[in-house]
N, C-alpha and C. Protein backbone atom coordinates (compact mmCIF):
# COMPACT_ATOMS: atom_id res chain seq x y z
N MET A 1 -60.30 202.03 187.50
CA MET A 1 -60.06 202.87 186.37
C MET A 1 -61.53 203.50 186.27
N SER A 2 -61.59 204.85 185.67
CA SER A 2 -62.93 205.42 185.65
C SER A 2 -63.19 206.01 184.29
N HIS A 3 -64.40 206.43 184.11
CA HIS A 3 -64.83 207.01 182.78
C HIS A 3 -65.28 208.50 183.00
N ILE A 4 -65.25 209.31 182.29
CA ILE A 4 -65.84 210.69 182.37
C ILE A 4 -66.75 210.92 180.92
N SER A 5 -68.00 211.50 181.23
CA SER A 5 -68.75 211.75 180.16
C SER A 5 -69.31 213.38 180.48
N THR A 6 -69.97 214.13 179.65
CA THR A 6 -70.26 215.51 179.94
C THR A 6 -71.48 216.05 179.33
N HIS A 7 -72.17 216.84 179.50
CA HIS A 7 -72.90 217.82 178.50
C HIS A 7 -73.13 219.22 179.24
N ILE A 8 -73.57 219.91 178.23
CA ILE A 8 -73.77 221.39 178.70
C ILE A 8 -75.35 221.56 178.45
N LEU A 9 -75.88 222.12 179.43
CA LEU A 9 -77.29 222.65 179.26
C LEU A 9 -77.26 224.27 179.60
N ASP A 10 -77.89 225.02 178.43
CA ASP A 10 -78.12 226.66 178.69
C ASP A 10 -79.26 226.46 179.41
N THR A 11 -79.37 226.65 180.75
CA THR A 11 -80.34 226.91 181.58
C THR A 11 -81.22 228.19 181.25
N SER A 12 -80.61 229.22 180.73
CA SER A 12 -81.49 230.30 180.40
C SER A 12 -82.29 230.31 179.20
N LEU A 13 -81.95 229.21 178.34
CA LEU A 13 -82.57 228.94 177.17
C LEU A 13 -83.63 227.85 177.11
N GLY A 14 -83.04 226.80 178.08
CA GLY A 14 -83.95 225.58 178.19
C GLY A 14 -83.24 224.71 177.07
N LYS A 15 -81.89 224.81 176.64
CA LYS A 15 -81.66 223.93 175.59
C LYS A 15 -80.38 223.47 175.69
N PRO A 16 -79.74 222.55 174.95
CA PRO A 16 -78.26 222.04 174.90
C PRO A 16 -77.53 223.10 174.35
N ALA A 17 -76.35 223.20 174.64
CA ALA A 17 -75.10 224.06 174.12
C ALA A 17 -74.56 223.05 173.03
N ALA A 18 -74.81 223.39 171.86
CA ALA A 18 -74.01 222.71 170.84
C ALA A 18 -72.65 223.18 170.45
N GLY A 19 -71.65 222.55 169.95
CA GLY A 19 -70.58 223.01 169.47
C GLY A 19 -69.50 223.58 170.28
N VAL A 20 -69.83 223.62 171.61
CA VAL A 20 -68.98 223.92 172.63
C VAL A 20 -67.62 222.97 172.94
N VAL A 21 -66.44 223.68 172.66
CA VAL A 21 -65.17 222.87 172.90
C VAL A 21 -64.97 222.57 174.42
N ILE A 22 -64.55 221.58 174.75
CA ILE A 22 -64.39 221.04 176.14
C ILE A 22 -62.97 220.33 176.00
N ARG A 23 -62.17 220.77 177.00
CA ARG A 23 -60.86 219.96 177.24
C ARG A 23 -60.80 219.10 178.56
N LEU A 24 -60.18 218.05 178.07
CA LEU A 24 -59.84 217.10 179.58
C LEU A 24 -58.42 216.98 179.87
N GLU A 25 -57.93 217.44 180.87
CA GLU A 25 -56.78 217.37 181.33
C GLU A 25 -56.26 216.47 182.53
N LYS A 26 -54.97 216.11 182.57
CA LYS A 26 -54.79 215.37 183.69
C LYS A 26 -53.40 216.15 184.27
N HIS A 27 -53.63 216.06 185.79
CA HIS A 27 -52.45 216.91 186.60
C HIS A 27 -51.33 215.68 186.56
N THR A 28 -50.33 216.41 186.50
CA THR A 28 -49.02 215.35 186.53
C THR A 28 -47.97 216.27 187.20
N PRO A 29 -46.94 215.68 187.66
CA PRO A 29 -46.17 216.27 188.38
C PRO A 29 -45.17 217.53 187.82
N THR A 30 -45.26 217.76 186.39
CA THR A 30 -44.87 218.64 185.37
C THR A 30 -45.90 219.63 185.25
N GLY A 31 -47.16 219.45 185.55
CA GLY A 31 -48.26 220.42 185.15
C GLY A 31 -49.34 219.62 184.54
N TRP A 32 -50.01 220.35 183.81
CA TRP A 32 -51.51 219.90 183.29
C TRP A 32 -51.24 219.26 181.69
N THR A 33 -51.85 218.04 181.55
CA THR A 33 -51.12 217.38 180.21
C THR A 33 -52.92 217.28 179.65
N LEU A 34 -53.03 217.61 178.37
CA LEU A 34 -54.13 217.41 177.73
C LEU A 34 -54.50 215.97 177.13
N LEU A 35 -55.36 215.35 177.56
CA LEU A 35 -55.64 214.03 177.11
C LEU A 35 -56.95 214.06 175.90
N LYS A 36 -57.78 215.31 175.79
CA LYS A 36 -58.88 215.15 174.80
C LYS A 36 -59.42 216.70 174.69
N GLU A 37 -59.71 217.18 173.30
CA GLU A 37 -60.23 218.32 173.15
C GLU A 37 -61.47 217.72 172.22
N ALA A 38 -62.69 218.19 172.53
CA ALA A 38 -63.84 217.81 171.61
C ALA A 38 -64.65 218.71 171.95
N ALA A 39 -65.67 219.02 170.83
CA ALA A 39 -66.99 219.84 170.83
C ALA A 39 -68.12 218.92 171.01
N THR A 40 -69.07 219.75 171.89
CA THR A 40 -70.45 219.19 172.20
C THR A 40 -71.43 218.86 170.84
N ASN A 41 -71.93 217.74 170.83
CA ASN A 41 -72.83 217.51 169.87
C ASN A 41 -74.10 218.33 169.63
N ALA A 42 -74.99 217.96 168.85
CA ALA A 42 -76.22 219.04 168.74
C ALA A 42 -77.25 218.95 170.09
N ASP A 43 -76.90 217.43 170.61
CA ASP A 43 -77.40 217.51 172.11
C ASP A 43 -76.71 218.11 173.05
N GLY A 44 -75.50 218.68 172.83
CA GLY A 44 -74.80 219.29 174.22
C GLY A 44 -74.00 218.33 174.86
N ARG A 45 -73.88 217.27 174.16
CA ARG A 45 -73.02 215.88 175.00
C ARG A 45 -71.72 215.62 174.20
N ILE A 46 -70.88 215.02 174.84
CA ILE A 46 -69.64 214.36 174.68
C ILE A 46 -69.92 213.06 175.40
N GLY A 47 -70.09 211.95 174.70
CA GLY A 47 -70.10 210.58 175.47
C GLY A 47 -68.84 210.02 176.35
N ALA A 48 -67.92 210.27 175.84
CA ALA A 48 -66.66 209.94 176.53
C ALA A 48 -65.41 210.87 176.24
N MET A 49 -64.98 211.12 177.13
CA MET A 49 -63.94 212.47 177.22
C MET A 49 -62.52 211.63 177.24
N ALA A 50 -62.52 210.40 177.18
CA ALA A 50 -61.16 209.78 177.23
C ALA A 50 -61.27 208.50 176.32
N GLU A 51 -60.12 208.24 175.54
CA GLU A 51 -60.43 206.91 175.00
C GLU A 51 -59.86 205.82 176.17
N GLY A 52 -60.52 204.75 176.57
CA GLY A 52 -60.49 203.97 177.45
C GLY A 52 -60.57 204.46 178.77
N GLU A 53 -60.16 203.96 179.63
CA GLU A 53 -60.36 204.02 181.07
C GLU A 53 -59.22 205.11 181.87
N LEU A 54 -59.62 206.03 182.59
CA LEU A 54 -58.72 206.95 183.35
C LEU A 54 -58.38 206.14 184.69
N ALA A 55 -56.92 206.46 185.02
CA ALA A 55 -56.44 206.09 186.15
C ALA A 55 -56.64 207.11 187.11
N PRO A 56 -56.61 206.55 188.56
CA PRO A 56 -57.07 207.51 189.59
C PRO A 56 -56.19 208.87 189.56
N GLY A 57 -56.73 209.88 189.76
CA GLY A 57 -55.61 211.05 189.99
C GLY A 57 -56.44 212.49 189.69
N ARG A 58 -55.76 213.38 189.87
CA ARG A 58 -56.70 214.87 189.43
C ARG A 58 -56.79 215.16 188.12
N TYR A 59 -57.94 215.56 187.57
CA TYR A 59 -58.27 215.83 186.24
C TYR A 59 -59.13 217.32 186.40
N ARG A 60 -59.19 217.87 185.14
CA ARG A 60 -60.10 219.07 184.89
C ARG A 60 -60.86 219.01 183.63
N LEU A 61 -62.04 219.48 183.51
CA LEU A 61 -62.59 219.50 182.48
C LEU A 61 -62.91 221.16 182.21
N THR A 62 -62.74 221.67 181.09
CA THR A 62 -62.72 223.36 180.96
C THR A 62 -63.53 223.30 179.62
N ALA A 63 -64.90 224.13 179.87
CA ALA A 63 -65.65 224.35 178.79
C ALA A 63 -65.55 225.60 178.40
N GLU A 64 -65.35 226.10 176.96
CA GLU A 64 -65.02 227.34 176.47
C GLU A 64 -66.71 227.90 176.39
N ILE A 65 -67.32 228.35 177.38
CA ILE A 65 -68.62 228.88 177.12
C ILE A 65 -68.70 230.10 176.63
N GLY A 66 -67.95 231.06 176.70
CA GLY A 66 -67.95 232.35 176.15
C GLY A 66 -68.21 232.22 174.65
N GLU A 67 -67.68 231.37 174.06
CA GLU A 67 -67.77 231.37 172.51
C GLU A 67 -69.40 231.07 172.43
N TRP A 68 -70.11 230.25 173.06
CA TRP A 68 -71.16 229.79 173.01
C TRP A 68 -72.01 230.91 173.16
N PHE A 69 -71.98 231.81 174.28
CA PHE A 69 -72.82 233.01 174.56
C PHE A 69 -72.46 234.11 173.25
N ALA A 70 -71.30 234.10 172.80
CA ALA A 70 -71.14 235.10 171.70
C ALA A 70 -72.05 234.83 170.33
N ARG A 71 -71.93 233.39 170.07
CA ARG A 71 -72.58 232.64 169.15
C ARG A 71 -74.20 232.82 169.17
N THR A 72 -74.67 233.06 170.48
CA THR A 72 -75.90 233.36 170.64
C THR A 72 -76.38 234.71 170.81
N GLY A 73 -75.47 235.53 170.80
CA GLY A 73 -75.63 236.99 170.70
C GLY A 73 -75.88 237.55 172.00
N ARG A 74 -75.07 237.04 173.10
CA ARG A 74 -75.56 237.05 174.44
C ARG A 74 -73.97 237.59 175.21
N GLU A 75 -74.11 238.43 176.09
CA GLU A 75 -72.86 238.84 176.86
C GLU A 75 -72.96 237.92 178.07
N THR A 76 -71.44 237.64 178.39
CA THR A 76 -71.32 236.49 179.58
C THR A 76 -70.31 237.21 180.55
N LEU A 77 -70.25 236.92 181.76
CA LEU A 77 -69.21 237.39 182.96
C LEU A 77 -67.95 236.02 182.56
N TYR A 78 -68.27 234.83 182.10
CA TYR A 78 -67.39 233.57 182.32
C TYR A 78 -67.07 233.29 180.72
N PRO A 79 -65.76 233.49 180.46
CA PRO A 79 -65.40 232.88 179.25
C PRO A 79 -65.34 231.40 179.06
N SER A 80 -64.99 230.67 180.37
CA SER A 80 -65.00 229.38 180.52
C SER A 80 -65.50 228.95 181.63
N ALA A 81 -65.73 227.43 182.08
CA ALA A 81 -66.36 226.91 183.14
C ALA A 81 -65.37 225.85 183.34
N GLN A 82 -65.07 225.65 184.73
CA GLN A 82 -63.83 224.45 184.97
C GLN A 82 -64.39 223.52 185.83
N ILE A 83 -64.36 222.22 185.70
CA ILE A 83 -64.52 221.39 186.58
C ILE A 83 -63.25 220.50 187.12
N ASP A 84 -62.75 220.69 188.58
CA ASP A 84 -61.42 220.16 188.86
C ASP A 84 -61.75 218.89 189.89
N ILE A 85 -61.48 217.92 189.46
CA ILE A 85 -61.80 216.67 190.24
C ILE A 85 -60.71 215.82 190.72
N THR A 86 -61.20 214.97 191.58
CA THR A 86 -59.96 213.76 191.74
C THR A 86 -60.64 212.49 191.63
N LEU A 87 -60.10 211.91 191.00
CA LEU A 87 -60.95 210.25 190.42
C LEU A 87 -60.27 209.35 191.54
N PRO A 88 -61.17 208.45 192.32
CA PRO A 88 -60.57 207.77 193.41
C PRO A 88 -60.18 206.45 192.63
N ALA A 89 -59.52 205.49 193.50
CA ALA A 89 -58.91 204.33 193.10
C ALA A 89 -59.86 203.32 192.46
N SER A 90 -61.24 203.49 193.06
CA SER A 90 -62.40 202.43 192.99
C SER A 90 -62.73 202.21 191.75
N GLY A 91 -62.73 203.54 190.81
CA GLY A 91 -63.15 203.46 189.43
C GLY A 91 -64.66 203.66 189.29
N ASP A 92 -65.15 204.22 188.28
CA ASP A 92 -66.63 204.20 188.06
C ASP A 92 -66.91 204.99 186.82
N HIS A 93 -68.22 205.33 186.60
CA HIS A 93 -68.31 206.17 185.59
C HIS A 93 -68.77 207.59 186.13
N TYR A 94 -68.26 208.80 185.65
CA TYR A 94 -68.58 209.91 186.19
C TYR A 94 -69.21 211.01 185.07
N HIS A 95 -70.35 211.23 185.16
CA HIS A 95 -71.21 212.26 184.19
C HIS A 95 -71.04 213.29 184.87
N LEU A 96 -70.45 214.26 184.41
CA LEU A 96 -70.05 215.69 184.87
C LEU A 96 -70.84 216.98 184.12
N PRO A 97 -72.02 217.31 184.16
CA PRO A 97 -72.63 218.18 183.35
C PRO A 97 -72.13 219.61 183.79
N PHE A 98 -72.31 220.64 182.72
CA PHE A 98 -72.32 221.82 182.84
C PHE A 98 -73.57 222.59 182.75
N LEU A 99 -74.04 223.44 183.65
CA LEU A 99 -75.44 224.20 183.78
C LEU A 99 -75.11 225.56 183.44
N ILE A 100 -75.40 226.13 182.34
CA ILE A 100 -74.60 227.56 182.05
C ILE A 100 -75.85 228.20 181.91
N ALA A 101 -75.52 229.84 182.13
CA ALA A 101 -76.25 231.07 182.18
C ALA A 101 -75.48 232.08 181.79
N PRO A 102 -75.85 233.14 181.29
CA PRO A 102 -74.60 234.32 181.12
C PRO A 102 -73.90 234.61 182.34
N TRP A 103 -74.85 234.55 183.27
CA TRP A 103 -74.34 235.24 184.73
C TRP A 103 -73.89 234.15 185.68
N GLY A 104 -73.82 232.87 185.34
CA GLY A 104 -73.57 231.93 186.54
C GLY A 104 -73.43 230.50 185.77
N TRP A 105 -72.95 229.44 186.37
CA TRP A 105 -72.89 228.22 185.90
C TRP A 105 -72.78 227.29 187.28
N SER A 106 -73.19 225.94 187.06
CA SER A 106 -72.78 225.10 188.14
C SER A 106 -72.59 223.50 187.63
N THR A 107 -72.40 222.37 188.48
CA THR A 107 -72.24 221.27 188.14
C THR A 107 -73.01 220.47 188.99
N TYR A 108 -72.83 219.17 188.76
CA TYR A 108 -73.22 218.13 189.74
C TYR A 108 -72.85 216.79 189.19
N ARG A 109 -72.64 215.84 189.88
CA ARG A 109 -72.52 214.47 189.35
C ARG A 109 -73.83 213.75 188.95
N GLY A 110 -73.71 213.58 187.78
CA GLY A 110 -75.09 212.95 187.12
C GLY A 110 -74.78 211.44 186.85
N SER A 111 -76.01 210.98 186.26
CA SER A 111 -75.84 209.46 186.04
C SER A 111 -75.72 209.12 184.71
């Protein structure tokens, strides 16, 4: 079983993106099922994206970053950013940050 946490850093400003809504969904045979929706805290973080442990399978995190850029008075090409992952059977903690800027975004597996 695995755990997922995340945070958002606006690299163009060099500060966390607070109040950004992020959804965690699991892929099922009938489509995507919402597991949790939460907003980042003042430090741009969400400590646990699910209550308890996550079973192996395919998941996605979707961050509504367009709203962040609108609130900060900036135009963006990306209304959302999405991380699509497959959690293995071994289980672990996966910290999956979003590094955002108005004209691009990226991710990595953090610690």
